[in-house]
N, C-alpha and C. Protein backbone atom coordinates (compact mmCIF):
# COMPACT_ATOMS: atom_id res chain seq x y z
N MET A 1 -65.93 44.40 -28.31
CA MET A 1 -65.25 43.77 -30.03
C MET A 1 -66.35 42.65 -30.22
N ARG A 2 -66.70 42.41 -31.30
CA ARG A 2 -67.78 40.89 -31.76
C ARG A 2 -66.71 39.65 -31.80
N ILE A 3 -67.47 38.94 -30.64
CA ILE A 3 -66.41 37.31 -30.96
C ILE A 3 -66.13 36.82 -32.41
N GLY A 4 -67.22 37.16 -33.96
CA GLY A 4 -66.36 36.96 -34.62
C GLY A 4 -65.03 37.56 -35.10
N LEU A 5 -65.24 38.65 -34.91
CA LEU A 5 -63.55 39.83 -35.44
C LEU A 5 -62.84 38.76 -34.34
N LYS A 6 -63.12 38.73 -33.30
CA LYS A 6 -61.72 38.23 -31.87
C LYS A 6 -61.34 37.02 -32.98
N LEU A 7 -62.50 36.05 -33.21
CA LEU A 7 -61.62 35.35 -33.96
C LEU A 7 -60.96 35.38 -34.88
N THR A 8 -61.61 36.52 -36.18
CA THR A 8 -61.05 36.53 -37.39
C THR A 8 -59.05 36.81 -36.71
N LEU A 9 -59.31 37.45 -35.86
CA LEU A 9 -57.22 38.08 -35.72
C LEU A 9 -57.07 37.06 -34.81
N ALA A 10 -57.52 36.46 -34.04
CA ALA A 10 -56.92 35.77 -33.52
C ALA A 10 -56.70 33.91 -35.17
N LEU A 11 -56.60 34.22 -35.79
CA LEU A 11 -56.73 33.18 -37.09
C LEU A 11 -55.36 33.83 -37.67
N LEU A 12 -56.06 35.41 -37.94
CA LEU A 12 -55.16 36.24 -39.08
C LEU A 12 -54.24 36.26 -38.93
N LEU A 13 -54.11 36.79 -37.66
CA LEU A 13 -52.52 37.09 -37.13
C LEU A 13 -51.54 36.44 -36.82
N PRO A 14 -51.37 35.13 -36.49
CA PRO A 14 -51.15 34.29 -36.98
C PRO A 14 -50.12 33.88 -37.96
N LEU A 15 -51.37 33.43 -39.03
CA LEU A 15 -50.94 32.88 -39.77
C LEU A 15 -50.19 33.80 -41.03
N VAL A 16 -50.60 34.57 -40.48
CA VAL A 16 -49.86 36.07 -41.70
C VAL A 16 -48.17 36.26 -40.91
N ALA A 17 -48.35 36.10 -40.22
CA ALA A 17 -47.29 35.91 -39.37
C ALA A 17 -46.95 34.74 -39.86
N LEU A 18 -46.69 33.77 -39.61
CA LEU A 18 -45.97 32.38 -40.13
C LEU A 18 -45.91 31.97 -41.66
N THR A 19 -47.14 33.03 -42.29
CA THR A 19 -46.52 32.96 -44.00
C THR A 19 -45.34 33.97 -43.94
N LEU A 20 -45.68 34.91 -43.42
CA LEU A 20 -44.12 35.98 -43.51
C LEU A 20 -43.04 35.28 -43.31
N PHE A 21 -42.76 34.79 -42.34
CA PHE A 21 -41.84 33.95 -42.20
C PHE A 21 -40.94 33.09 -41.92
N LEU A 22 -41.95 32.22 -43.08
CA LEU A 22 -41.78 30.91 -44.01
C LEU A 22 -41.52 31.46 -45.14
N GLY A 23 -41.83 32.08 -46.64
CA GLY A 23 -41.56 33.02 -47.01
C GLY A 23 -40.26 33.40 -47.07
N TRP A 24 -39.86 34.45 -45.99
CA TRP A 24 -38.20 35.01 -45.64
C TRP A 24 -37.87 34.24 -45.52
N THR A 25 -37.87 33.18 -45.15
CA THR A 25 -37.30 31.85 -44.54
C THR A 25 -36.53 31.11 -46.34
N PHE A 26 -37.92 30.95 -46.94
CA PHE A 26 -37.15 30.48 -48.61
C PHE A 26 -36.43 31.72 -49.49
N GLU A 27 -37.35 32.80 -48.92
CA GLU A 27 -36.54 33.55 -49.97
C GLU A 27 -34.89 33.43 -49.65
N GLU A 28 -34.31 33.33 -48.39
CA GLU A 28 -32.99 33.42 -47.51
C GLU A 28 -32.44 32.01 -48.47
N ARG A 29 -33.12 31.37 -48.22
CA ARG A 29 -32.38 30.36 -48.85
C ARG A 29 -32.49 30.08 -50.16
N SER A 30 -33.52 30.23 -51.14
CA SER A 30 -33.05 30.25 -53.09
C SER A 30 -31.67 31.31 -53.26
N ARG A 31 -31.78 32.16 -52.00
CA ARG A 31 -30.49 33.44 -52.72
C ARG A 31 -29.65 32.46 -52.80
N GLU A 32 -29.22 32.14 -51.79
CA GLU A 32 -28.32 30.73 -50.99
C GLU A 32 -28.09 29.79 -52.21
N LEU A 33 -28.86 29.27 -52.37
CA LEU A 33 -28.81 28.95 -53.87
C LEU A 33 -28.16 28.89 -55.22
N LEU A 34 -29.33 30.13 -55.46
CA LEU A 34 -28.90 30.61 -56.64
C LEU A 34 -27.46 31.51 -56.26
N ARG A 35 -27.02 31.83 -55.18
CA ARG A 35 -25.60 32.16 -55.19
C ARG A 35 -24.42 31.05 -55.78
N GLU A 36 -24.63 30.16 -54.81
CA GLU A 36 -24.07 28.63 -55.52
C GLU A 36 -23.52 28.57 -56.57
N GLU A 37 -24.79 28.54 -57.42
CA GLU A 37 -25.40 27.38 -59.00
C GLU A 37 -24.28 29.06 -59.16
N LEU A 38 -24.55 29.64 -58.98
CA LEU A 38 -24.14 31.38 -60.30
C LEU A 38 -22.01 30.90 -59.61
N SER A 39 -22.08 30.88 -58.91
CA SER A 39 -20.71 30.51 -58.14
C SER A 39 -19.76 28.81 -59.36
N LYS A 40 -20.91 28.39 -59.07
CA LYS A 40 -20.52 26.98 -60.16
C LYS A 40 -20.00 27.08 -61.39
N GLU A 41 -21.39 27.76 -61.99
CA GLU A 41 -21.29 28.35 -62.90
C GLU A 41 -20.35 29.30 -64.02
N GLY A 42 -19.58 30.59 -62.93
CA GLY A 42 -18.60 31.62 -62.49
C GLY A 42 -17.65 30.70 -63.01
N ARG A 43 -17.55 29.20 -62.35
CA ARG A 43 -16.20 28.92 -62.21
C ARG A 43 -15.78 28.04 -63.43
N ALA A 44 -16.89 28.26 -63.55
CA ALA A 44 -16.70 26.59 -65.05
C ALA A 44 -16.30 27.34 -66.48
N ILE A 45 -17.34 28.89 -66.75
CA ILE A 45 -16.57 29.94 -67.31
C ILE A 45 -15.58 30.18 -67.04
N ALA A 46 -14.24 30.74 -66.19
CA ALA A 46 -13.68 31.30 -65.86
C ALA A 46 -12.16 30.23 -66.31
N ARG A 47 -12.86 28.90 -65.83
CA ARG A 47 -11.74 27.93 -66.33
C ARG A 47 -11.40 27.61 -67.47
N VAL A 48 -13.16 28.18 -68.61
CA VAL A 48 -12.89 27.75 -70.21
C VAL A 48 -11.44 28.71 -70.42
N VAL A 49 -12.31 30.10 -69.77
CA VAL A 49 -11.83 30.88 -70.31
C VAL A 49 -10.06 31.11 -70.36
N GLN A 50 -9.33 30.71 -69.08
CA GLN A 50 -8.38 30.44 -68.55
C GLN A 50 -7.65 29.92 -69.71
N ILE A 51 -8.13 28.24 -70.00
CA ILE A 51 -8.06 27.45 -70.79
C ILE A 51 -7.36 28.26 -72.21
N ALA A 52 -8.92 28.71 -72.63
CA ALA A 52 -8.55 29.07 -74.08
C ALA A 52 -7.25 30.25 -73.97
N SER A 53 -7.47 31.14 -72.71
CA SER A 53 -6.47 32.08 -72.78
C SER A 53 -4.88 31.45 -72.96
N GLU A 54 -5.03 30.21 -72.05
CA GLU A 54 -3.34 29.92 -72.09
C GLU A 54 -3.06 29.46 -74.01
N ASP A 55 -4.47 28.88 -74.74
CA ASP A 55 -3.95 27.99 -75.25
C ASP A 55 -3.61 29.46 -76.70
N TYR A 56 -4.33 30.57 -75.97
CA TYR A 56 -4.15 31.11 -77.34
C TYR A 56 -2.41 32.07 -77.30
N LEU A 57 -2.33 32.40 -75.62
CA LEU A 57 -1.03 32.58 -75.60
C LEU A 57 0.74 32.00 -76.35
N ARG A 58 0.15 31.24 -75.75
CA ARG A 58 1.07 29.46 -76.06
C ARG A 58 1.48 29.68 -77.53
N ASP A 59 -0.01 29.87 -78.55
CA ASP A 59 0.06 30.19 -79.61
C ASP A 59 0.51 31.52 -80.65
N ARG A 60 0.30 32.49 -79.32
CA ARG A 60 1.25 34.21 -79.77
C ARG A 60 -0.36 34.36 -80.78
N GLN A 61 -1.43 33.79 -79.89
CA GLN A 61 -2.34 34.64 -81.28
C GLN A 61 -3.41 35.84 -80.67
N ILE A 62 -2.05 36.91 -79.64
CA ILE A 62 -3.09 37.89 -79.20
C ILE A 62 -4.59 38.35 -79.90
N ARG A 63 -4.22 38.50 -81.15
CA ARG A 63 -5.96 39.66 -81.66
C ARG A 63 -7.07 38.47 -81.16
N ASP A 64 -6.72 37.16 -81.64
CA ASP A 64 -7.66 35.92 -81.39
C ASP A 64 -7.99 35.65 -79.95
N LEU A 65 -6.97 36.07 -78.90
CA LEU A 65 -7.34 35.94 -77.22
C LEU A 65 -8.35 37.47 -77.54
N ARG A 66 -8.05 38.92 -77.21
CA ARG A 66 -8.58 40.14 -77.23
C ARG A 66 -9.45 39.70 -78.14
N GLY A 67 -10.09 39.02 -79.37
CA GLY A 67 -11.60 38.97 -79.73
C GLY A 67 -12.15 37.66 -78.63
N LEU A 68 -11.58 36.91 -78.34
CA LEU A 68 -12.67 35.54 -77.31
C LEU A 68 -12.87 36.76 -75.68
N ALA A 69 -12.26 37.39 -75.79
CA ALA A 69 -12.50 38.48 -74.25
C ALA A 69 -13.81 39.45 -74.64
N ASP A 70 -13.79 39.54 -76.04
CA ASP A 70 -14.88 40.89 -76.84
C ASP A 70 -16.19 40.31 -76.75
N ARG A 71 -16.16 38.92 -77.12
CA ARG A 71 -17.12 37.93 -77.39
C ARG A 71 -17.98 37.57 -76.30
N ILE A 72 -16.70 37.00 -75.41
CA ILE A 72 -17.99 36.81 -74.24
C ILE A 72 -18.11 37.39 -73.58
N SER A 73 -17.88 38.97 -73.66
CA SER A 73 -18.03 40.42 -72.38
C SER A 73 -19.54 40.36 -72.95
N GLY A 74 -20.43 40.51 -71.75
CA GLY A 74 -21.41 40.60 -72.31
C GLY A 74 -22.61 39.54 -72.79
N TYR A 75 -22.06 38.37 -72.69
CA TYR A 75 -22.87 37.29 -73.24
C TYR A 75 -23.35 36.37 -71.88
N GLU A 76 -25.10 36.52 -72.06
CA GLU A 76 -25.69 36.00 -70.82
C GLU A 76 -25.43 36.60 -69.83
N ARG A 77 -25.16 36.52 -69.14
CA ARG A 77 -24.87 36.58 -67.56
C ARG A 77 -23.15 37.43 -66.97
N VAL A 78 -22.33 37.58 -68.70
CA VAL A 78 -21.00 37.79 -68.28
C VAL A 78 -21.14 39.28 -68.22
N LEU A 79 -20.52 40.13 -67.50
CA LEU A 79 -19.51 41.55 -67.73
C LEU A 79 -19.22 42.10 -68.43
N GLY A 80 -17.68 40.91 -68.35
CA GLY A 80 -16.89 41.03 -69.31
C GLY A 80 -15.39 40.07 -68.79
N VAL A 81 -14.15 40.20 -69.71
CA VAL A 81 -13.29 39.19 -69.21
C VAL A 81 -11.85 40.36 -69.22
N ARG A 82 -10.85 40.36 -68.31
CA ARG A 82 -9.97 40.92 -68.75
C ARG A 82 -8.45 40.63 -68.79
N LEU A 83 -7.52 40.86 -69.14
CA LEU A 83 -6.35 40.37 -69.28
C LEU A 83 -5.35 40.49 -68.38
N PHE A 84 -4.25 40.15 -67.65
CA PHE A 84 -3.05 40.24 -67.01
C PHE A 84 -2.29 40.25 -67.62
N ASP A 85 -0.60 41.02 -67.48
CA ASP A 85 0.37 40.03 -67.38
C ASP A 85 0.90 39.05 -66.31
N ARG A 86 2.73 38.67 -66.10
CA ARG A 86 2.58 38.05 -65.02
C ARG A 86 2.92 39.06 -64.26
N ASN A 87 3.35 40.57 -64.82
CA ASN A 87 3.51 41.06 -63.78
C ASN A 87 1.98 41.90 -63.05
N GLY A 88 1.10 41.88 -63.89
CA GLY A 88 -0.16 42.07 -62.57
C GLY A 88 -0.19 43.51 -63.48
N ALA A 89 -0.11 43.67 -64.97
CA ALA A 89 -0.39 45.29 -65.51
C ALA A 89 -1.37 44.84 -66.43
N LEU A 90 -2.79 45.47 -66.28
CA LEU A 90 -3.68 45.27 -67.27
C LEU A 90 -3.22 45.25 -68.09
N THR A 91 -3.89 44.20 -69.45
CA THR A 91 -2.77 44.78 -70.70
C THR A 91 -3.94 44.63 -71.56
N TYR A 92 -5.49 43.96 -71.76
CA TYR A 92 -6.78 44.03 -72.51
C TYR A 92 -7.95 43.90 -71.97
N GLN A 93 -9.03 44.54 -71.81
CA GLN A 93 -10.00 44.99 -71.40
C GLN A 93 -10.51 45.23 -72.52
N PRO A 94 -12.36 44.63 -72.47
CA PRO A 94 -13.55 45.06 -73.55
C PRO A 94 -14.06 46.77 -73.27
N ASP A 95 -14.07 47.29 -74.19
CA ASP A 95 -14.53 48.23 -74.44
C ASP A 95 -15.74 48.98 -72.82
N SER A 96 -16.26 47.45 -72.94
CA SER A 96 -18.05 47.44 -71.81
C SER A 96 -17.27 48.19 -70.30
N LEU A 97 -15.80 47.40 -70.11
CA LEU A 97 -15.18 47.25 -68.45
C LEU A 97 -14.69 48.24 -68.89
N ALA A 98 -14.04 49.21 -69.74
CA ALA A 98 -14.04 50.97 -68.95
C ALA A 98 -13.74 51.16 -68.16
N ARG A 99 -15.48 51.49 -68.32
CA ARG A 99 -15.92 52.69 -67.24
C ARG A 99 -16.34 51.43 -65.73
N TYR A 100 -15.26 50.42 -65.19
CA TYR A 100 -15.30 50.15 -64.06
C TYR A 100 -14.24 49.70 -64.02
N PRO A 101 -13.32 50.62 -63.69
CA PRO A 101 -11.54 50.24 -63.04
C PRO A 101 -11.98 48.86 -62.74
N PHE A 102 -11.32 48.40 -62.83
CA PHE A 102 -10.07 47.11 -61.71
C PHE A 102 -10.19 47.59 -60.85
N GLU A 103 -9.91 47.71 -59.17
CA GLU A 103 -9.51 47.44 -57.74
C GLU A 103 -9.14 46.80 -56.68
N HIS A 104 -9.09 44.99 -57.79
CA HIS A 104 -8.74 44.25 -56.38
C HIS A 104 -7.21 44.30 -56.83
N TRP A 105 -6.28 44.65 -56.57
CA TRP A 105 -5.44 44.95 -57.12
C TRP A 105 -3.98 43.97 -56.32
N ASN A 106 -4.68 43.62 -54.84
CA ASN A 106 -4.49 42.83 -53.87
C ASN A 106 -4.44 41.32 -54.01
N ASP A 107 -5.39 41.04 -54.42
CA ASP A 107 -6.42 39.89 -54.56
C ASP A 107 -5.99 39.35 -56.39
N LEU A 108 -5.44 40.48 -57.14
CA LEU A 108 -4.75 39.82 -58.46
C LEU A 108 -3.14 39.25 -57.63
N ARG A 109 -2.46 40.33 -57.04
CA ARG A 109 -1.18 40.18 -56.81
C ARG A 109 -1.26 38.64 -55.92
N ARG A 110 -2.20 38.32 -54.68
CA ARG A 110 -2.12 37.02 -54.45
C ARG A 110 -2.67 35.97 -55.30
N VAL A 111 -3.32 35.85 -56.58
CA VAL A 111 -2.78 34.98 -57.54
C VAL A 111 -1.90 34.57 -57.96
N ILE A 112 -1.39 35.83 -58.52
CA ILE A 112 -0.16 35.71 -59.10
C ILE A 112 0.57 35.12 -58.27
N GLU A 113 0.73 35.55 -56.76
CA GLU A 113 1.51 34.57 -56.10
C GLU A 113 1.94 33.54 -55.32
N GLU A 114 0.52 33.29 -55.38
CA GLU A 114 -0.02 31.97 -55.13
C GLU A 114 0.34 30.79 -55.94
N ARG A 115 -1.03 31.77 -57.20
CA ARG A 115 -0.37 30.64 -58.35
C ARG A 115 -2.07 29.50 -58.16
N LYS A 116 -3.05 30.44 -57.84
CA LYS A 116 -4.18 29.81 -56.86
C LYS A 116 -5.60 30.96 -57.71
N PRO A 117 -6.53 30.24 -58.25
CA PRO A 117 -7.80 30.93 -58.46
C PRO A 117 -8.01 31.91 -57.40
N VAL A 118 -8.91 32.97 -57.13
CA VAL A 118 -9.58 33.73 -55.91
C VAL A 118 -10.87 34.11 -57.16
N GLN A 119 -11.88 34.27 -56.15
CA GLN A 119 -13.01 34.49 -56.24
C GLN A 119 -13.72 35.50 -55.36
N LEU A 120 -14.32 36.70 -55.44
CA LEU A 120 -14.68 37.64 -55.12
C LEU A 120 -16.02 38.15 -55.10
N ARG A 121 -16.76 38.88 -55.11
CA ARG A 121 -17.85 39.66 -54.70
C ARG A 121 -17.56 40.99 -54.86
N ARG A 122 -18.30 41.86 -55.58
CA ARG A 122 -18.53 43.48 -55.29
C ARG A 122 -19.53 43.91 -56.38
N ASN A 123 -20.13 45.54 -56.19
CA ASN A 123 -20.81 46.16 -56.77
C ASN A 123 -20.05 46.61 -58.14
N ILE A 124 -20.73 46.28 -59.18
CA ILE A 124 -20.54 46.79 -60.45
C ILE A 124 -21.38 47.53 -60.82
N GLY A 125 -21.20 49.29 -60.45
CA GLY A 125 -21.90 50.08 -60.78
C GLY A 125 -22.94 50.20 -60.04
N ASP A 126 -24.28 49.66 -59.67
CA ASP A 126 -25.22 49.89 -59.41
C ASP A 126 -26.03 48.26 -59.08
N GLN A 127 -25.59 47.29 -60.12
CA GLN A 127 -24.76 45.19 -59.81
C GLN A 127 -23.99 44.88 -58.92
N PRO A 128 -25.03 43.81 -57.96
CA PRO A 128 -24.14 43.18 -57.56
C PRO A 128 -23.39 41.72 -58.82
N ALA A 129 -22.16 41.34 -58.58
CA ALA A 129 -21.50 40.97 -59.36
C ALA A 129 -20.14 39.53 -58.82
N MET A 130 -20.05 38.54 -59.43
CA MET A 130 -19.36 38.05 -59.01
C MET A 130 -18.33 37.62 -59.94
N GLY A 131 -16.44 37.70 -59.35
CA GLY A 131 -15.47 38.02 -60.46
C GLY A 131 -14.72 36.63 -60.16
N PHE A 132 -13.97 36.00 -60.67
CA PHE A 132 -13.08 35.19 -60.80
C PHE A 132 -11.55 35.23 -60.89
N LEU A 133 -10.16 35.42 -60.66
CA LEU A 133 -9.63 35.90 -61.17
C LEU A 133 -8.54 34.32 -61.52
N MET A 134 -7.75 34.32 -62.30
CA MET A 134 -7.37 32.91 -62.75
C MET A 134 -6.12 32.92 -62.96
N PRO A 135 -4.99 32.56 -62.52
CA PRO A 135 -3.98 32.65 -63.47
C PRO A 135 -3.92 31.80 -64.88
N LEU A 136 -2.30 32.09 -65.10
CA LEU A 136 -2.47 31.53 -67.11
C LEU A 136 -1.01 31.13 -66.35
N PHE A 137 -0.63 29.58 -67.02
CA PHE A 137 0.48 29.01 -67.69
C PHE A 137 0.53 29.33 -68.51
N ASN A 138 1.90 29.23 -69.09
CA ASN A 138 2.40 28.22 -70.02
C ASN A 138 3.33 26.57 -69.65
N ARG A 139 3.25 26.19 -70.94
CA ARG A 139 2.84 24.33 -70.88
C ARG A 139 4.62 24.30 -69.94
N LYS A 140 4.90 24.45 -69.42
CA LYS A 140 6.38 24.28 -68.82
C LYS A 140 5.97 24.54 -67.29
N GLY A 141 4.48 25.16 -67.45
CA GLY A 141 4.27 25.34 -65.75
C GLY A 141 4.51 26.62 -65.06
N ASP A 142 5.50 27.87 -65.83
CA ASP A 142 5.57 29.30 -65.66
C ASP A 142 4.26 29.75 -65.42
N LEU A 143 3.87 31.27 -64.79
CA LEU A 143 3.54 32.00 -64.80
C LEU A 143 3.17 32.78 -66.50
N ILE A 144 2.23 33.40 -66.84
CA ILE A 144 2.40 34.09 -67.57
C ILE A 144 1.64 34.75 -67.84
N GLY A 145 0.49 35.73 -66.67
CA GLY A 145 -0.32 36.70 -66.23
C GLY A 145 -1.46 35.83 -65.79
N ALA A 146 -2.55 36.17 -65.69
CA ALA A 146 -3.77 36.25 -65.53
C ALA A 146 -4.96 36.52 -65.49
N VAL A 147 -6.33 36.14 -65.87
CA VAL A 147 -7.68 36.42 -66.32
C VAL A 147 -9.27 36.68 -65.33
N GLN A 148 -9.50 37.60 -65.54
CA GLN A 148 -10.42 37.76 -64.66
C GLN A 148 -11.53 37.73 -65.36
N VAL A 149 -12.37 37.31 -64.82
CA VAL A 149 -14.11 36.70 -65.78
C VAL A 149 -15.29 37.83 -64.67
N LEU A 150 -15.35 38.38 -65.37
CA LEU A 150 -16.69 38.82 -63.82
C LEU A 150 -17.99 38.81 -64.66
N GLN A 151 -19.09 38.13 -63.63
CA GLN A 151 -20.09 37.29 -63.71
C GLN A 151 -21.68 38.34 -63.22
N LEU A 152 -22.79 38.81 -63.89
CA LEU A 152 -23.46 39.28 -62.54
C LEU A 152 -24.75 38.45 -61.96
N GLU A 153 -24.77 39.12 -61.40
CA GLU A 153 -26.06 38.69 -59.88
C GLU A 153 -27.21 38.77 -59.88
N SER A 154 -27.46 39.60 -61.28
CA SER A 154 -28.78 40.61 -61.40
C SER A 154 -30.28 39.61 -61.50
N TYR A 155 -29.48 38.22 -61.91
CA TYR A 155 -31.02 37.29 -61.95
C TYR A 155 -30.83 37.10 -60.54
N ILE A 156 -30.82 36.92 -59.18
CA ILE A 156 -30.90 36.64 -58.05
C ILE A 156 -31.78 37.63 -57.88
N ALA A 157 -31.87 38.81 -58.19
CA ALA A 157 -32.57 40.19 -57.77
C ALA A 157 -33.96 39.88 -58.07
N GLU A 158 -34.08 39.08 -59.44
CA GLU A 158 -35.28 39.46 -59.78
C GLU A 158 -36.17 37.73 -59.55
N ASP A 159 -35.50 36.65 -59.12
CA ASP A 159 -35.76 35.93 -58.76
C ASP A 159 -36.49 36.51 -56.60
N GLU A 160 -35.81 37.28 -56.06
CA GLU A 160 -36.22 37.90 -55.36
C GLU A 160 -37.20 38.58 -55.12
N ARG A 161 -37.52 38.94 -56.50
CA ARG A 161 -38.71 39.89 -56.59
C ARG A 161 -39.46 38.79 -57.43
N ALA A 162 -39.76 37.72 -57.80
CA ALA A 162 -40.90 37.03 -58.43
C ALA A 162 -41.53 36.28 -56.81
N THR A 163 -40.32 36.45 -56.04
CA THR A 163 -40.85 35.28 -54.41
C THR A 163 -42.00 36.54 -53.97
N ARG A 164 -40.55 37.76 -53.14
CA ARG A 164 -42.32 38.15 -52.73
C ARG A 164 -42.82 38.75 -53.14
N GLY A 165 -43.09 38.71 -54.57
CA GLY A 165 -44.65 38.78 -55.41
C GLY A 165 -45.32 37.46 -54.69
N PHE A 166 -45.03 36.95 -55.03
CA PHE A 166 -46.05 35.12 -54.70
C PHE A 166 -45.70 34.90 -53.29
N ILE A 167 -45.44 36.01 -52.28
CA ILE A 167 -45.68 35.39 -50.60
C ILE A 167 -46.38 36.57 -50.90
N LEU A 168 -46.31 38.06 -51.07
CA LEU A 168 -47.35 38.86 -50.79
C LEU A 168 -48.70 38.06 -51.42
N SER A 169 -48.66 37.47 -52.34
CA SER A 169 -50.14 36.79 -52.81
C SER A 169 -50.59 36.33 -52.18
N LEU A 170 -49.66 35.29 -51.61
CA LEU A 170 -50.05 33.99 -50.31
C LEU A 170 -51.01 34.89 -49.59
N THR A 171 -49.74 35.49 -48.58
CA THR A 171 -50.73 36.35 -47.81
C THR A 171 -52.14 37.01 -47.52
N LEU A 172 -51.96 37.65 -48.87
CA LEU A 172 -53.92 38.74 -49.63
C LEU A 172 -54.77 37.38 -49.45
N ALA A 173 -54.44 36.08 -49.97
CA ALA A 173 -55.23 35.66 -50.01
C ALA A 173 -54.96 34.28 -49.17
N MET A 174 -54.77 33.98 -48.23
CA MET A 174 -55.08 33.75 -46.60
C MET A 174 -55.53 34.92 -45.98
N VAL A 175 -55.73 36.58 -46.39
CA VAL A 175 -56.09 37.30 -45.29
C VAL A 175 -57.67 36.90 -46.22
N GLY A 176 -57.84 36.90 -47.65
CA GLY A 176 -59.31 36.75 -47.48
C GLY A 176 -60.06 35.83 -47.61
N ALA A 177 -59.47 34.49 -47.25
CA ALA A 177 -60.31 33.30 -47.22
C ALA A 177 -60.52 32.97 -45.86
N THR A 178 -59.39 34.19 -44.50
CA THR A 178 -60.26 34.20 -42.70
C THR A 178 -60.52 35.00 -43.56
């Protein structure tokens, strides 16, 4: 084997390995940060929906509450909003959620019993999503139901694809330069 080829391989293999390792590390950290940001955003959206729902229920504006659920469903990354009564029975969901049945009955029961919000992750069809279950209270502090907000994580996968493309481009540029 010629000395030039040996030197090229001696330089190239560690550089490629290092680039791939750093790229993988960056992608993992980026995914974690994006999921954390999505979680914060989802909790904020769920809290706003919770407050609005309590106001609508207090004023007995059920039609307006359903309109809110319909309007916010499909907005940006929000897949949908479901409403439950104080016993945990599903009282309303937009048509867009009908094909994705609610499956987290134990979590809903916990929200109703403990009167505290719960955050969970699941796949909706083939898309990862975060769910936020929030208790609903009247002015006296009595539990009157719960609301679920589902938020898609699809932009995290888009970011991962872009990061992988960048890492591949960087690796190929280093191979070419070497």
